[in-house]
Amino acid sequence: MEKHITVTGSSTVSWKDAIVQTIAEASKTIDYLGDVKILDQRAKVSGKKITEYFVDLDISFTIDRDRD
């Protein structure tokens, strides 16, 4: 059985870094991560520069029914 969750992450470096950091953080508490789908990307702008990158991810993981 597979389950999906939507998570939002951010980075001050790039969208790619936001994705990598969000997956790394999710993997600390969720076992059996599977696919990742990028749902949305947006950024915070200050002056003429992007100061923060945001991503919304759909992360799937397998449920282990035999786990205690």
N, C-alpha and C. Protein backbone atom coordinates (compact mmCIF):
# COMPACT_ATOMS: atom_id res chain seq x y z
N MET A 1 0.85 -1.17 0.00
CA MET A 1 0.00 0.00 0.00
C MET A 1 0.90 1.24 0.00
N GLU A 2 0.48 2.22 -0.77
CA GLU A 2 1.25 3.46 -0.88
C GLU A 2 0.42 4.62 -0.34
N LYS A 3 1.09 5.53 0.33
CA LYS A 3 0.44 6.72 0.87
C LYS A 3 1.15 7.95 0.32
N HIS A 4 0.43 9.06 0.20
CA HIS A 4 0.98 10.32 -0.29
C HIS A 4 0.78 11.41 0.75
N ILE A 5 1.79 12.26 0.88
CA ILE A 5 1.67 13.46 1.71
C ILE A 5 2.18 14.65 0.90
N THR A 6 1.67 15.80 1.23
CA THR A 6 2.14 17.04 0.60
C THR A 6 2.95 17.80 1.64
N VAL A 7 4.17 18.17 1.26
CA VAL A 7 5.04 18.92 2.16
C VAL A 7 5.57 20.16 1.45
N THR A 8 5.85 21.19 2.22
CA THR A 8 6.41 22.43 1.69
C THR A 8 7.79 22.63 2.29
N GLY A 9 8.74 22.97 1.44
CA GLY A 9 10.10 23.23 1.90
C GLY A 9 10.62 24.52 1.30
N SER A 10 11.76 24.96 1.83
CA SER A 10 12.33 26.21 1.34
C SER A 10 13.85 26.18 1.40
N SER A 11 14.44 27.11 0.68
CA SER A 11 15.89 27.26 0.64
C SER A 11 16.21 28.70 0.25
N THR A 12 17.34 29.18 0.70
CA THR A 12 17.80 30.50 0.26
C THR A 12 18.76 30.38 -0.92
N VAL A 13 18.99 29.13 -1.38
CA VAL A 13 19.96 28.88 -2.46
C VAL A 13 19.28 28.72 -3.82
N SER A 14 18.33 27.77 -3.92
CA SER A 14 17.69 27.48 -5.21
C SER A 14 16.48 26.58 -5.00
N TRP A 15 15.67 26.41 -6.07
CA TRP A 15 14.56 25.47 -6.00
C TRP A 15 15.09 24.05 -5.86
N LYS A 16 16.14 23.72 -6.58
CA LYS A 16 16.72 22.38 -6.48
C LYS A 16 17.15 22.10 -5.04
N ASP A 17 17.79 23.05 -4.40
CA ASP A 17 18.22 22.86 -3.02
C ASP A 17 17.01 22.71 -2.10
N ALA A 18 15.95 23.44 -2.36
CA ALA A 18 14.74 23.32 -1.55
C ALA A 18 14.17 21.91 -1.67
N ILE A 19 14.18 21.35 -2.88
CA ILE A 19 13.68 19.99 -3.10
C ILE A 19 14.56 18.99 -2.35
N VAL A 20 15.86 19.09 -2.52
CA VAL A 20 16.80 18.15 -1.88
C VAL A 20 16.68 18.22 -0.36
N GLN A 21 16.63 19.43 0.19
CA GLN A 21 16.55 19.61 1.64
C GLN A 21 15.22 19.08 2.20
N THR A 22 14.15 19.28 1.46
CA THR A 22 12.83 18.83 1.91
C THR A 22 12.77 17.30 1.93
N ILE A 23 13.29 16.66 0.90
CA ILE A 23 13.33 15.20 0.87
C ILE A 23 14.21 14.66 1.99
N ALA A 24 15.36 15.28 2.21
CA ALA A 24 16.26 14.84 3.28
C ALA A 24 15.57 14.95 4.64
N GLU A 25 14.86 16.03 4.85
CA GLU A 25 14.17 16.23 6.13
C GLU A 25 13.03 15.22 6.30
N ALA A 26 12.26 14.98 5.25
CA ALA A 26 11.17 14.02 5.32
C ALA A 26 11.69 12.61 5.59
N SER A 27 12.84 12.28 5.02
CA SER A 27 13.39 10.93 5.19
C SER A 27 13.86 10.66 6.62
N LYS A 28 13.98 11.68 7.43
CA LYS A 28 14.37 11.49 8.83
C LYS A 28 13.25 10.85 9.65
N THR A 29 12.01 11.07 9.24
CA THR A 29 10.88 10.55 10.01
C THR A 29 9.95 9.63 9.22
N ILE A 30 10.15 9.52 7.92
CA ILE A 30 9.30 8.67 7.09
C ILE A 30 10.17 7.61 6.42
N ASP A 31 9.83 6.34 6.64
CA ASP A 31 10.56 5.24 6.01
C ASP A 31 9.95 4.92 4.65
N TYR A 32 10.72 4.25 3.83
CA TYR A 32 10.26 3.71 2.53
C TYR A 32 9.77 4.79 1.57
N LEU A 33 10.49 5.92 1.51
CA LEU A 33 10.11 6.96 0.54
C LEU A 33 10.17 6.40 -0.87
N GLY A 34 9.24 6.87 -1.69
CA GLY A 34 9.17 6.40 -3.07
C GLY A 34 9.35 7.54 -4.04
N ASP A 35 8.27 7.90 -4.69
CA ASP A 35 8.31 8.94 -5.72
C ASP A 35 8.09 10.33 -5.12
N VAL A 36 8.59 11.32 -5.85
CA VAL A 36 8.38 12.71 -5.49
C VAL A 36 7.85 13.44 -6.72
N LYS A 37 6.81 14.21 -6.52
CA LYS A 37 6.25 15.02 -7.60
C LYS A 37 6.27 16.47 -7.16
N ILE A 38 6.81 17.34 -8.00
CA ILE A 38 6.83 18.77 -7.70
C ILE A 38 5.47 19.35 -8.08
N LEU A 39 4.76 19.85 -7.08
CA LEU A 39 3.44 20.41 -7.30
C LEU A 39 3.48 21.89 -7.63
N ASP A 40 4.38 22.62 -6.97
CA ASP A 40 4.43 24.06 -7.17
C ASP A 40 5.80 24.58 -6.76
N GLN A 41 6.21 25.65 -7.41
CA GLN A 41 7.44 26.35 -7.06
C GLN A 41 7.11 27.84 -7.03
N ARG A 42 7.64 28.52 -6.01
CA ARG A 42 7.45 29.97 -5.92
C ARG A 42 8.63 30.57 -5.19
N ALA A 43 8.72 31.86 -5.19
CA ALA A 43 9.87 32.52 -4.57
C ALA A 43 9.45 33.82 -3.91
N LYS A 44 10.23 34.20 -2.91
CA LYS A 44 10.07 35.49 -2.24
C LYS A 44 11.10 36.43 -2.85
N VAL A 45 10.66 37.62 -3.24
CA VAL A 45 11.54 38.59 -3.87
C VAL A 45 11.67 39.80 -2.97
N SER A 46 12.90 40.25 -2.82
CA SER A 46 13.18 41.46 -2.06
C SER A 46 14.02 42.36 -2.96
N GLY A 47 13.49 43.53 -3.27
CA GLY A 47 14.17 44.39 -4.23
C GLY A 47 14.12 43.74 -5.60
N LYS A 48 15.28 43.46 -6.18
CA LYS A 48 15.34 42.81 -7.49
C LYS A 48 15.91 41.39 -7.40
N LYS A 49 15.99 40.86 -6.17
CA LYS A 49 16.60 39.55 -5.99
C LYS A 49 15.66 38.56 -5.31
N ILE A 50 15.79 37.29 -5.70
CA ILE A 50 15.07 36.23 -5.01
C ILE A 50 15.80 35.97 -3.70
N THR A 51 15.06 36.00 -2.61
CA THR A 51 15.67 35.79 -1.30
C THR A 51 15.33 34.43 -0.70
N GLU A 52 14.25 33.81 -1.18
CA GLU A 52 13.89 32.48 -0.68
C GLU A 52 13.08 31.74 -1.74
N TYR A 53 13.40 30.45 -1.88
CA TYR A 53 12.74 29.57 -2.85
C TYR A 53 11.86 28.60 -2.08
N PHE A 54 10.63 28.39 -2.57
CA PHE A 54 9.69 27.49 -1.92
C PHE A 54 9.25 26.41 -2.90
N VAL A 55 9.04 25.19 -2.40
CA VAL A 55 8.51 24.09 -3.22
C VAL A 55 7.43 23.36 -2.44
N ASP A 56 6.40 22.94 -3.14
CA ASP A 56 5.39 22.04 -2.60
C ASP A 56 5.61 20.70 -3.29
N LEU A 57 5.80 19.65 -2.50
CA LEU A 57 6.08 18.33 -3.04
C LEU A 57 5.01 17.34 -2.61
N ASP A 58 4.67 16.44 -3.52
CA ASP A 58 3.86 15.27 -3.19
C ASP A 58 4.85 14.12 -3.04
N ILE A 59 4.98 13.59 -1.83
CA ILE A 59 5.93 12.52 -1.56
C ILE A 59 5.15 11.25 -1.27
N SER A 60 5.50 10.16 -1.95
CA SER A 60 4.85 8.89 -1.68
C SER A 60 5.77 8.01 -0.85
N PHE A 61 5.15 7.14 -0.07
CA PHE A 61 5.91 6.17 0.70
C PHE A 61 5.07 4.91 0.88
N THR A 62 5.76 3.80 1.09
CA THR A 62 5.11 2.52 1.25
C THR A 62 4.80 2.28 2.72
N ILE A 63 3.62 1.78 2.98
CA ILE A 63 3.22 1.46 4.34
C ILE A 63 3.61 0.01 4.61
N ASP A 64 4.34 -0.23 5.68
CA ASP A 64 4.77 -1.56 6.07
C ASP A 64 3.78 -2.09 7.11
N ARG A 65 2.87 -2.91 6.69
CA ARG A 65 1.83 -3.44 7.59
C ARG A 65 2.40 -4.45 8.60
N ASP A 66 3.58 -5.01 8.33
CA ASP A 66 4.18 -6.00 9.22
C ASP A 66 5.06 -5.38 10.29
N ARG A 67 5.21 -4.09 10.25
CA ARG A 67 6.07 -3.39 11.19
C ARG A 67 5.40 -3.27 12.56
N ASP A 68 6.16 -3.46 13.61
CA ASP A 68 5.62 -3.35 14.97
C ASP A 68 5.56 -1.93 15.43
